[in-house]
Amino acid sequence: MKRFFVFAGGLVCTVVVASGAQILEEWWTGTQGTGDWLGARPVLADHGLSFFGWWGADYTGVVDGGVSCGGTFEEELYFGATLDAAKATGAGALEGLTFTGGVRWRDGANSNIYAGDSPVFSPSLYQSGMGWRMMPFYATYVTPELFGVPKLLTLSGGWQNPYNFFVQQDASKLFRNNMIASSKGITANGVGWSSSYAAWGGFLKVQPVNWYYAQAGMYLAIPGGADSANHGLDFAGARPARDNGIFLIGETGFTPKIGPSKLPGKYALGGYSWGLEASAYTGEIRDNRWGLYWQADQMIWREPSASDGKAVADGKSFAKNVAEPTLRDEGLSLFSYFYFAPEKENALPFYYQAGAVYKGLLPTRGEDRLAAVIGMATYSGGFVFNDEEGGVEYAKDYEGVIEVDYRFQVNRWAYIQPFVQYLIRPGGTDSVANATAIGVHFQVQF
């Protein structure tokens, strides 16, 4: 840090100029990889406009089993922005109203050409919506306070993706397998469930207390809505219009904080109706497909603070008080998810995943995460029967994956994450040997 004294009109002004080392340190320890844009970023945020984005990439190699050994590189680039209407206009009446939008680019070869998995079990989740894509843009209003309850109602709508608001399991997003992090069994049954899907619609969420919520959404069901070819611009839906339907989804859940350590948890039950015609394996035509899901996540142990339980002087007498426990976010969390859909018109009637995440396992690495998960799916008897009747030599019966990851948090805006996946019965048959894939994932927040 250098100080210069400037004499002007009899006044002495001090000009502080940061050294190169200080500038570098502030960038490295900051919250975003592109810094504060010479001070412009916080000024824009004060006026309601906040930007976000990231570059992420996977290098994945199949080293054993599968179709053959080989490796691929896949990447994603995302830019988005949020506008706070109250800050932008200075109108207090608009408090709680925001607008969000974004654009994305994905490219790279599909690692599944070596693994031989079903697409939903692909070792990477970057293959949907390839190329550039218009992402959802929508408005959200959260009531600052209503009937004495803060954030009682959330109303959101526009060109939106229910994937971003329902079936939210933060722990599963750590993993790279498409089924674990994204599909969760739903996509396999022809439902528009993907980070690349968007349609006109919205949802309403009610949260009367901080540990309970209920929400419901209604969207346009667009066949092929997540296809790469439409670039997210299929605003009119499918043509003719009668090919579209209505996508209904609802969820309710509890988010308790258990015990003296206030261990956070989430227990949710939800379901959907995908309103496009479906042919049952018995020959009937159904008006829709439906499914149910259940989620149970719970932190079971929290690392204590170094000061927990220690006696401290109160500064007024010789008496000692016990320090209040400091709640840290390091510790062990478990998560699980179960999915069911009627097997008569769904290829995949049952899927489950369960895993564990430990944050801060190494004493000097409090932001790192060690994570492990298993996911297993069974295919419907009708689906298998149709394959066998059609002369398919290897009919699908079940498929799964085991994945272990370790995320090295480099700083607040970048991490490196090696991973290994063991792919069980790739493609759902025994025609392809179980495969082992290893890789590394990178991400930098802008």
Protein backbone atom coordinates (compact mmCIF):
# COMPACT_ATOMS: atom_id res chain seq x y z
CA MET A 1 0.00 0.00 0.00
CA LYS A 2 1.45 3.37 -1.01
CA ARG A 3 0.30 6.82 0.07
CA PHE A 4 0.85 9.99 -1.98
CA PHE A 5 0.20 13.55 -0.82
CA VAL A 6 -1.25 15.89 -3.40
CA PHE A 7 -1.28 19.67 -2.88
CA ALA A 8 -4.14 21.45 -4.62
CA GLY A 9 -5.42 24.91 -3.82
CA GLY A 10 -3.84 24.86 -0.41
CA LEU A 11 -5.44 21.53 0.44
CA VAL A 12 -3.53 18.35 1.12
CA CYS A 13 -5.17 15.17 -0.18
CA THR A 14 -4.04 11.63 0.47
CA VAL A 15 -4.24 9.21 -2.47
CA VAL A 16 -3.96 5.53 -1.59
CA VAL A 17 -2.70 3.23 -4.33
CA ALA A 18 -2.82 -0.51 -3.78
CA SER A 19 0.29 -2.48 -4.60
CA GLY A 20 0.29 -5.24 -7.18
CA ALA A 21 0.62 -7.86 -4.44
CA GLN A 22 -2.41 -6.48 -2.62
CA ILE A 23 -4.50 -6.41 -5.78
CA LEU A 24 -3.58 -10.03 -6.46
CA GLU A 25 -4.41 -11.03 -2.90
CA GLU A 26 -7.81 -9.33 -2.98
CA TRP A 27 -8.62 -11.09 -6.26
CA TRP A 28 -7.51 -14.51 -4.95
CA THR A 29 -9.43 -14.19 -1.69
CA GLY A 30 -12.51 -12.62 -3.28
CA THR A 31 -15.84 -14.25 -4.08
CA GLN A 32 -15.67 -14.20 -7.90
CA GLY A 33 -13.01 -15.17 -10.40
CA THR A 34 -13.47 -12.00 -12.44
CA GLY A 35 -13.14 -9.77 -9.39
CA ASP A 36 -15.21 -6.62 -8.81
CA TRP A 37 -14.72 -5.22 -12.33
CA LEU A 38 -12.72 -2.19 -11.11
CA GLY A 39 -15.45 -1.39 -8.63
CA ALA A 40 -18.30 -1.55 -11.14
CA ARG A 41 -19.72 -4.84 -9.90
CA PRO A 42 -20.65 -3.73 -6.35
CA VAL A 43 -22.04 -0.46 -7.71
CA LEU A 44 -24.28 -2.37 -10.11
CA ALA A 45 -25.35 -4.72 -7.30
CA ASP A 46 -26.26 -1.70 -5.13
CA HIS A 47 -28.51 -0.62 -8.00
CA GLY A 48 -30.14 -4.05 -8.20
CA LEU A 49 -28.23 -5.74 -11.04
CA SER A 50 -26.21 -8.82 -10.03
CA PHE A 51 -24.35 -11.09 -12.42
CA PHE A 52 -23.39 -14.72 -11.95
CA GLY A 53 -21.80 -17.42 -14.07
CA TRP A 54 -19.27 -20.20 -14.25
CA TRP A 55 -17.10 -22.34 -16.43
CA GLY A 56 -17.18 -26.04 -15.64
CA ALA A 57 -15.48 -28.99 -17.32
CA ASP A 58 -15.11 -32.76 -16.98
CA TYR A 59 -12.37 -35.01 -18.22
CA THR A 60 -13.67 -38.57 -17.95
CA GLY A 61 -11.90 -41.77 -18.88
CA VAL A 62 -13.30 -45.31 -18.94
CA VAL A 63 -10.37 -47.43 -17.79
CA ASP A 64 -12.00 -50.84 -17.42
CA GLY A 65 -15.04 -52.66 -18.82
CA GLY A 66 -17.75 -50.86 -20.75
CA VAL A 67 -17.69 -50.79 -24.55
CA SER A 68 -14.03 -49.81 -24.76
CA CYS A 69 -11.44 -47.75 -22.93
CA GLY A 70 -11.14 -44.08 -23.79
CA GLY A 71 -11.51 -40.54 -22.51
CA THR A 72 -13.47 -37.40 -23.35
CA PHE A 73 -13.53 -33.71 -22.46
CA GLU A 74 -16.86 -31.89 -21.90
CA GLU A 75 -17.48 -28.32 -20.77
CA GLU A 76 -20.15 -25.80 -19.87
CA LEU A 77 -20.14 -22.01 -19.86
CA TYR A 78 -23.00 -20.14 -18.15
CA PHE A 79 -23.81 -16.43 -17.85
CA GLY A 80 -26.79 -15.12 -15.90
CA ALA A 81 -28.15 -12.03 -14.18
CA THR A 82 -30.71 -11.10 -11.53
CA LEU A 83 -32.45 -7.72 -11.27
CA ASP A 84 -33.81 -6.59 -7.91
CA ALA A 85 -36.73 -4.33 -8.83
CA ALA A 86 -36.80 -2.41 -5.55
CA LYS A 87 -33.10 -1.51 -5.68
CA ALA A 88 -33.23 -0.72 -9.39
CA THR A 89 -36.17 1.68 -9.09
CA GLY A 90 -35.91 2.87 -5.50
CA ALA A 91 -39.56 1.88 -5.02
CA GLY A 92 -40.03 0.19 -1.67
CA ALA A 93 -43.36 -1.23 -2.83
CA LEU A 94 -41.42 -3.54 -5.18
CA GLU A 95 -39.40 -5.15 -2.38
CA GLY A 96 -39.24 -8.91 -2.97
CA LEU A 97 -39.64 -8.72 -6.78
CA THR A 98 -36.75 -10.04 -8.88
CA PHE A 99 -36.14 -10.97 -12.52
CA THR A 100 -33.70 -13.71 -13.55
CA GLY A 101 -32.33 -14.91 -16.90
CA GLY A 102 -29.32 -16.58 -18.47
CA VAL A 103 -27.62 -18.19 -21.44
CA ARG A 104 -25.45 -21.32 -21.65
CA TRP A 105 -22.94 -23.07 -23.90
CA ARG A 106 -22.04 -26.79 -23.79
CA ASP A 107 -19.74 -28.87 -25.97
CA GLY A 108 -17.54 -31.94 -25.91
CA ALA A 109 -17.63 -35.64 -26.80
CA ASN A 110 -19.95 -37.98 -24.92
CA SER A 111 -18.09 -40.19 -22.43
CA ASN A 112 -20.95 -42.66 -22.67
CA ILE A 113 -19.65 -43.90 -26.04
CA TYR A 114 -17.04 -45.75 -23.99
CA ALA A 115 -19.14 -46.60 -20.93
CA GLY A 116 -22.18 -48.00 -22.77
CA ASP A 117 -24.66 -46.80 -20.14
CA SER A 118 -28.25 -45.77 -20.70
CA PRO A 119 -28.27 -41.99 -21.33
CA VAL A 120 -29.78 -41.30 -17.92
CA PHE A 121 -26.81 -43.06 -16.26
CA SER A 122 -24.20 -41.27 -18.38
CA PRO A 123 -20.94 -40.60 -16.45
CA SER A 124 -21.32 -36.88 -17.21
CA LEU A 125 -24.36 -34.58 -17.04
CA TYR A 126 -23.22 -32.14 -19.75
CA GLN A 127 -24.75 -33.91 -22.77
CA SER A 128 -28.28 -32.49 -22.68
CA GLY A 129 -28.94 -29.23 -24.51
CA MET A 130 -25.61 -29.13 -26.33
CA GLY A 131 -24.40 -25.98 -28.08
CA TRP A 132 -25.68 -22.57 -27.01
CA ARG A 133 -29.00 -22.39 -25.20
CA MET A 134 -31.35 -19.72 -23.94
CA MET A 135 -31.97 -20.56 -20.30
CA PRO A 136 -35.12 -19.68 -18.30
CA PHE A 137 -36.07 -16.05 -17.78
CA TYR A 138 -38.76 -15.37 -15.22
CA ALA A 139 -40.03 -13.13 -12.42
CA THR A 140 -40.25 -14.05 -8.74
CA TYR A 141 -42.07 -12.26 -5.94
CA VAL A 142 -41.43 -13.16 -2.28
CA THR A 143 -43.64 -11.41 0.24
CA PRO A 144 -41.37 -9.52 2.68
CA GLU A 145 -44.01 -10.00 5.38
CA LEU A 146 -47.64 -11.09 5.24
CA PHE A 147 -49.92 -11.68 8.25
CA GLY A 148 -46.85 -11.26 10.42
CA VAL A 149 -44.94 -14.05 8.63
CA PRO A 150 -41.79 -13.16 6.64
CA LYS A 151 -41.53 -14.80 3.23
CA LEU A 152 -44.91 -16.46 3.63
CA LEU A 153 -45.61 -16.63 -0.13
CA THR A 154 -43.39 -17.07 -3.17
CA LEU A 155 -44.96 -16.57 -6.58
CA SER A 156 -42.80 -17.17 -9.63
CA GLY A 157 -43.46 -17.52 -13.34
CA GLY A 158 -42.37 -16.97 -16.91
CA TRP A 159 -40.23 -19.11 -19.21
CA GLN A 160 -39.23 -21.40 -16.41
CA ASN A 161 -37.88 -24.85 -15.55
CA PRO A 162 -39.52 -26.77 -12.66
CA TYR A 163 -36.24 -28.71 -12.38
CA ASN A 164 -34.76 -25.64 -10.66
CA PHE A 165 -37.39 -25.51 -7.88
CA PHE A 166 -38.61 -29.04 -7.22
CA VAL A 167 -36.71 -32.19 -6.15
CA GLN A 168 -33.94 -30.01 -4.76
CA GLN A 169 -31.27 -32.14 -3.09
CA ASP A 170 -28.08 -30.13 -2.65
CA ALA A 171 -25.91 -33.13 -1.72
CA SER A 172 -26.70 -34.97 -4.95
CA LYS A 173 -25.51 -31.98 -7.00
CA LEU A 174 -21.95 -32.73 -5.88
CA PHE A 175 -21.78 -35.80 -8.13
CA ARG A 176 -21.05 -36.08 -11.84
CA ASN A 177 -23.19 -39.06 -12.91
CA ASN A 178 -26.24 -37.78 -14.77
CA MET A 179 -28.72 -40.00 -12.90
CA ILE A 180 -27.50 -38.96 -9.45
CA ALA A 181 -27.16 -35.22 -10.02
CA SER A 182 -29.86 -34.55 -12.58
CA SER A 183 -32.21 -37.23 -13.95
CA LYS A 184 -33.22 -38.95 -10.69
CA GLY A 185 -35.18 -41.55 -12.65
CA ILE A 186 -37.76 -39.09 -13.99
CA THR A 187 -36.14 -38.36 -17.36
CA ALA A 188 -36.08 -42.07 -18.28
CA ASN A 189 -39.88 -42.08 -18.46
CA GLY A 190 -40.19 -39.44 -21.17
CA VAL A 191 -40.84 -36.51 -18.82
CA GLY A 192 -39.31 -33.09 -19.54
CA TRP A 193 -36.98 -33.27 -16.56
CA SER A 194 -33.59 -31.78 -17.35
CA SER A 195 -31.51 -28.65 -16.78
CA SER A 196 -32.17 -27.95 -20.46
CA TYR A 197 -35.99 -27.93 -20.27
CA ALA A 198 -38.03 -24.74 -20.08
CA ALA A 199 -41.69 -23.92 -20.67
CA TRP A 200 -44.25 -21.25 -19.88
CA GLY A 201 -45.61 -21.59 -16.39
CA GLY A 202 -44.86 -20.98 -12.75
CA PHE A 203 -45.28 -22.07 -9.16
CA LEU A 204 -46.67 -20.93 -5.82
CA LYS A 205 -44.89 -21.71 -2.55
CA VAL A 206 -46.33 -21.28 0.94
CA GLN A 207 -44.02 -21.29 3.98
CA PRO A 208 -46.00 -20.43 7.15
CA VAL A 209 -43.07 -21.39 9.45
CA ASN A 210 -39.35 -21.76 8.77
CA TRP A 211 -39.50 -25.59 9.05
CA TYR A 212 -42.42 -26.38 6.71
CA TYR A 213 -43.33 -25.54 3.11
CA ALA A 214 -45.74 -26.59 0.37
CA GLN A 215 -45.47 -25.68 -3.31
CA ALA A 216 -47.23 -26.47 -6.56
CA GLY A 217 -46.47 -25.63 -10.18
CA MET A 218 -48.13 -25.78 -13.57
CA TYR A 219 -46.21 -25.67 -16.86
CA LEU A 220 -46.60 -26.41 -20.52
CA ALA A 221 -45.57 -29.99 -21.32
CA ILE A 222 -43.58 -29.74 -24.55
CA PRO A 223 -42.50 -32.97 -26.27
CA GLY A 224 -38.77 -32.78 -26.97
CA GLY A 225 -38.51 -29.51 -25.06
CA ALA A 226 -34.91 -30.21 -23.97
CA ASP A 227 -33.65 -31.11 -27.45
CA SER A 228 -30.40 -29.42 -28.45
CA ALA A 229 -31.85 -28.39 -31.83
CA ASN A 230 -34.36 -25.89 -30.38
CA HIS A 231 -31.68 -23.98 -28.35
CA GLY A 232 -34.29 -23.27 -25.67
CA LEU A 233 -36.24 -21.04 -28.07
CA ASP A 234 -39.34 -23.21 -28.53
CA PHE A 235 -41.52 -20.49 -26.99
CA ALA A 236 -44.57 -21.56 -29.01
CA GLY A 237 -44.22 -25.16 -27.88
CA ALA A 238 -44.75 -28.06 -30.26
CA ARG A 239 -46.68 -27.70 -33.47
CA PRO A 240 -49.54 -28.45 -33.89
CA ALA A 241 -50.54 -27.03 -30.51
CA ARG A 242 -52.56 -30.14 -29.64
CA ASP A 243 -49.27 -32.03 -29.28
CA ASN A 244 -48.55 -30.07 -26.09
CA GLY A 245 -49.99 -30.84 -22.68
CA ILE A 246 -49.98 -29.65 -19.08
CA PHE A 247 -47.18 -30.49 -16.65
CA LEU A 248 -48.38 -30.42 -13.01
CA ILE A 249 -46.00 -30.88 -10.08
CA GLY A 250 -46.34 -30.49 -6.33
CA GLU A 251 -44.17 -30.95 -3.26
CA THR A 252 -44.40 -30.55 0.50
CA GLY A 253 -41.63 -30.89 3.03
CA PHE A 254 -40.20 -30.32 6.48
CA THR A 255 -36.80 -28.73 7.14
CA PRO A 256 -36.16 -29.26 10.85
CA LYS A 257 -33.07 -28.42 12.87
CA ILE A 258 -32.63 -31.25 15.35
CA GLY A 259 -31.08 -31.23 18.81
CA PRO A 260 -28.73 -28.80 20.56
CA SER A 261 -26.46 -28.78 17.50
CA LYS A 262 -29.43 -27.78 15.30
CA LEU A 263 -28.64 -30.46 12.73
CA PRO A 264 -30.41 -29.43 9.50
CA GLY A 265 -32.56 -31.87 7.58
CA LYS A 266 -35.04 -32.03 4.75
CA TYR A 267 -37.91 -34.50 4.36
CA ALA A 268 -40.01 -34.01 1.25
CA LEU A 269 -42.78 -35.80 -0.64
CA GLY A 270 -43.80 -34.85 -4.18
CA GLY A 271 -45.40 -35.98 -7.37
CA TYR A 272 -46.06 -34.94 -10.96
CA SER A 273 -48.40 -35.48 -13.88
CA TRP A 274 -46.84 -35.19 -17.34
CA GLY A 275 -49.86 -34.42 -19.51
CA LEU A 276 -48.91 -36.04 -22.82
CA GLU A 277 -50.48 -39.20 -24.18
CA ALA A 278 -48.63 -42.40 -23.28
CA SER A 279 -49.01 -45.92 -24.60
CA ALA A 280 -49.16 -48.56 -21.88
CA TYR A 281 -47.29 -51.80 -22.47
CA THR A 282 -50.67 -53.55 -22.35
CA GLY A 283 -51.86 -51.51 -25.35
CA GLU A 284 -54.04 -48.85 -23.71
CA ILE A 285 -53.54 -45.14 -24.38
CA ARG A 286 -53.16 -43.06 -21.22
CA ASP A 287 -53.76 -39.32 -21.02
CA ASN A 288 -50.68 -38.73 -18.91
CA ARG A 289 -47.74 -40.23 -17.04
CA TRP A 290 -47.37 -39.72 -13.32
CA GLY A 291 -44.78 -40.41 -10.67
CA LEU A 292 -44.03 -39.92 -6.98
CA TYR A 293 -40.81 -39.16 -5.15
CA TRP A 294 -39.65 -39.05 -1.55
CA GLN A 295 -36.53 -37.41 -0.19
CA ALA A 296 -34.86 -37.67 3.21
CA ASP A 297 -31.67 -35.70 3.96
CA GLN A 298 -30.17 -35.22 7.40
CA MET A 299 -26.97 -33.92 8.92
CA ILE A 300 -26.18 -36.45 11.65
CA TRP A 301 -23.01 -34.99 13.17
CA ARG A 302 -21.58 -31.51 13.33
CA GLU A 303 -17.98 -30.81 14.25
CA PRO A 304 -17.79 -28.80 17.48
CA SER A 305 -16.09 -25.47 17.68
CA ALA A 306 -12.72 -25.36 19.43
CA SER A 307 -14.34 -23.20 22.13
CA ASP A 308 -17.41 -25.38 22.71
CA GLY A 309 -17.87 -26.27 26.35
CA LYS A 310 -14.84 -24.30 27.54
CA ALA A 311 -15.08 -22.01 30.54
CA VAL A 312 -14.56 -18.33 29.86
CA ALA A 313 -14.31 -15.35 32.21
CA ASP A 314 -17.27 -13.00 32.15
CA GLY A 315 -15.04 -9.95 32.73
CA LYS A 316 -16.97 -8.85 35.84
CA SER A 317 -16.04 -11.39 38.50
CA PHE A 318 -14.05 -14.49 39.17
CA ALA A 319 -17.06 -16.58 38.13
CA LYS A 320 -16.77 -18.60 35.00
CA ASN A 321 -19.37 -19.05 32.29
CA VAL A 322 -19.61 -21.77 29.66
CA ALA A 323 -19.22 -20.45 26.15
CA GLU A 324 -22.16 -20.82 23.86
CA PRO A 325 -21.58 -23.54 21.24
CA THR A 326 -20.55 -22.23 17.86
CA LEU A 327 -22.39 -23.96 15.05
CA ARG A 328 -20.00 -24.92 12.26
CA ASP A 329 -21.11 -26.40 8.95
CA GLU A 330 -18.40 -29.08 8.94
CA GLY A 331 -19.63 -32.59 9.62
CA LEU A 332 -21.37 -35.67 8.22
CA SER A 333 -24.65 -35.59 6.29
CA LEU A 334 -26.70 -38.44 4.81
CA PHE A 335 -29.15 -38.18 1.94
CA SER A 336 -31.60 -40.47 0.16
CA TYR A 337 -34.17 -40.33 -2.61
CA PHE A 338 -36.83 -42.80 -3.82
CA TYR A 339 -38.82 -42.60 -7.05
CA PHE A 340 -41.86 -44.60 -8.18
CA ALA A 341 -43.89 -44.59 -11.42
CA PRO A 342 -46.51 -47.11 -12.67
CA GLU A 343 -44.73 -49.78 -14.68
CA LYS A 344 -47.52 -50.20 -17.25
CA GLU A 345 -46.57 -47.00 -19.08
CA ASN A 346 -43.12 -46.20 -17.68
CA ALA A 347 -39.86 -47.88 -18.62
CA LEU A 348 -38.30 -47.20 -15.22
CA PRO A 349 -40.80 -47.71 -12.36
CA PHE A 350 -38.37 -47.62 -9.44
CA TYR A 351 -35.17 -45.77 -8.65
CA TYR A 352 -33.34 -44.98 -5.44
CA GLN A 353 -30.12 -43.29 -4.44
CA ALA A 354 -28.45 -42.94 -1.06
CA GLY A 355 -25.18 -41.40 -0.02
CA ALA A 356 -23.09 -39.45 2.45
CA VAL A 357 -21.11 -36.21 2.39
CA TYR A 358 -18.47 -35.18 4.89
CA LYS A 359 -17.47 -31.53 4.82
CA GLY A 360 -14.11 -30.68 6.40
CA LEU A 361 -12.78 -34.19 6.95
CA LEU A 362 -9.16 -33.00 6.94
CA PRO A 363 -8.33 -30.63 9.82
CA THR A 364 -6.86 -27.91 7.60
CA ARG A 365 -9.39 -28.29 4.76
CA GLY A 366 -12.68 -27.05 6.21
CA GLU A 367 -14.34 -26.33 2.84
CA ASP A 368 -13.44 -29.63 1.13
CA ARG A 369 -16.06 -32.36 0.69
CA LEU A 370 -15.74 -36.14 0.53
CA ALA A 371 -18.85 -37.68 -1.00
CA ALA A 372 -20.06 -41.19 -1.88
CA VAL A 373 -23.34 -42.42 -3.36
CA ILE A 374 -25.06 -45.47 -4.85
CA GLY A 375 -27.97 -45.31 -7.29
CA MET A 376 -30.00 -48.26 -8.58
CA ALA A 377 -32.89 -48.49 -11.05
CA THR A 378 -35.16 -51.33 -12.16
CA TYR A 379 -36.87 -51.49 -15.55
CA SER A 380 -40.52 -52.45 -15.87
CA GLY A 381 -41.66 -55.96 -16.69
CA GLY A 382 -43.68 -54.63 -19.62
CA PHE A 383 -40.65 -52.87 -21.04
CA VAL A 384 -38.58 -56.05 -20.73
CA PHE A 385 -41.39 -58.15 -22.24
CA ASN A 386 -41.67 -55.82 -25.25
CA ASP A 387 -37.90 -56.06 -25.78
CA GLU A 388 -38.01 -59.84 -25.66
CA GLU A 389 -41.04 -60.00 -27.99
CA GLY A 390 -39.23 -57.68 -30.36
CA GLY A 391 -36.29 -60.04 -30.56
CA VAL A 392 -33.92 -58.02 -28.39
CA GLU A 393 -31.26 -60.48 -27.27
CA TYR A 394 -30.40 -58.66 -24.05
CA ALA A 395 -33.47 -57.20 -22.33
CA LYS A 396 -33.02 -54.50 -19.72
CA ASP A 397 -33.65 -55.42 -16.10
CA TYR A 398 -31.65 -53.20 -13.73
CA GLU A 399 -28.81 -50.68 -13.80
CA GLY A 400 -26.79 -48.77 -11.25
CA VAL A 401 -23.78 -46.68 -10.31
CA ILE A 402 -21.48 -46.15 -7.35
CA GLU A 403 -19.59 -42.85 -7.28
CA VAL A 404 -16.98 -41.38 -4.92
CA ASP A 405 -15.76 -37.76 -5.20
CA TYR A 406 -13.41 -35.45 -3.33
CA ARG A 407 -13.83 -31.72 -3.90
CA PHE A 408 -10.72 -29.63 -3.24
CA GLN A 409 -11.95 -26.09 -2.65
CA VAL A 410 -9.08 -24.01 -4.06
CA ASN A 411 -10.54 -20.71 -2.92
CA ARG A 412 -14.01 -19.16 -2.68
CA TRP A 413 -14.57 -19.22 -6.44
CA ALA A 414 -12.77 -22.32 -7.77
CA TYR A 415 -12.52 -26.02 -7.03
CA ILE A 416 -11.03 -29.23 -8.44
CA GLN A 417 -12.93 -32.48 -7.99
CA PRO A 418 -11.47 -35.92 -8.83
CA PHE A 419 -14.07 -38.71 -9.03
CA VAL A 420 -14.46 -42.41 -9.72
CA GLN A 421 -17.61 -44.20 -10.90
CA TYR A 422 -18.32 -47.92 -10.97
CA LEU A 423 -21.07 -48.48 -13.55
CA ILE A 424 -23.20 -51.57 -12.85
CA ARG A 425 -24.77 -53.38 -15.83
CA PRO A 426 -24.26 -50.51 -18.32
CA GLY A 427 -27.32 -50.13 -20.49
CA GLY A 428 -29.34 -52.29 -18.09
CA THR A 429 -28.18 -55.60 -19.56
CA ASP A 430 -25.30 -58.03 -19.18
CA SER A 431 -24.17 -57.49 -22.76
CA VAL A 432 -21.67 -54.83 -21.61
CA ALA A 433 -19.24 -55.49 -18.77
CA ASN A 434 -19.38 -53.39 -15.63
CA ALA A 435 -17.25 -50.31 -16.22
CA THR A 436 -14.91 -48.15 -14.17
CA ALA A 437 -14.65 -44.49 -15.05
CA ILE A 438 -12.29 -42.01 -13.43
CA GLY A 439 -12.15 -38.31 -14.05
CA VAL A 440 -11.73 -34.82 -12.75
CA HIS A 441 -14.21 -31.95 -12.67
CA PHE A 442 -13.22 -28.27 -12.57
CA GLN A 443 -15.35 -25.23 -11.90
CA VAL A 444 -14.64 -21.51 -11.72
CA GLN A 445 -17.30 -19.02 -10.60
CA PHE A 446 -17.31 -15.72 -12.48
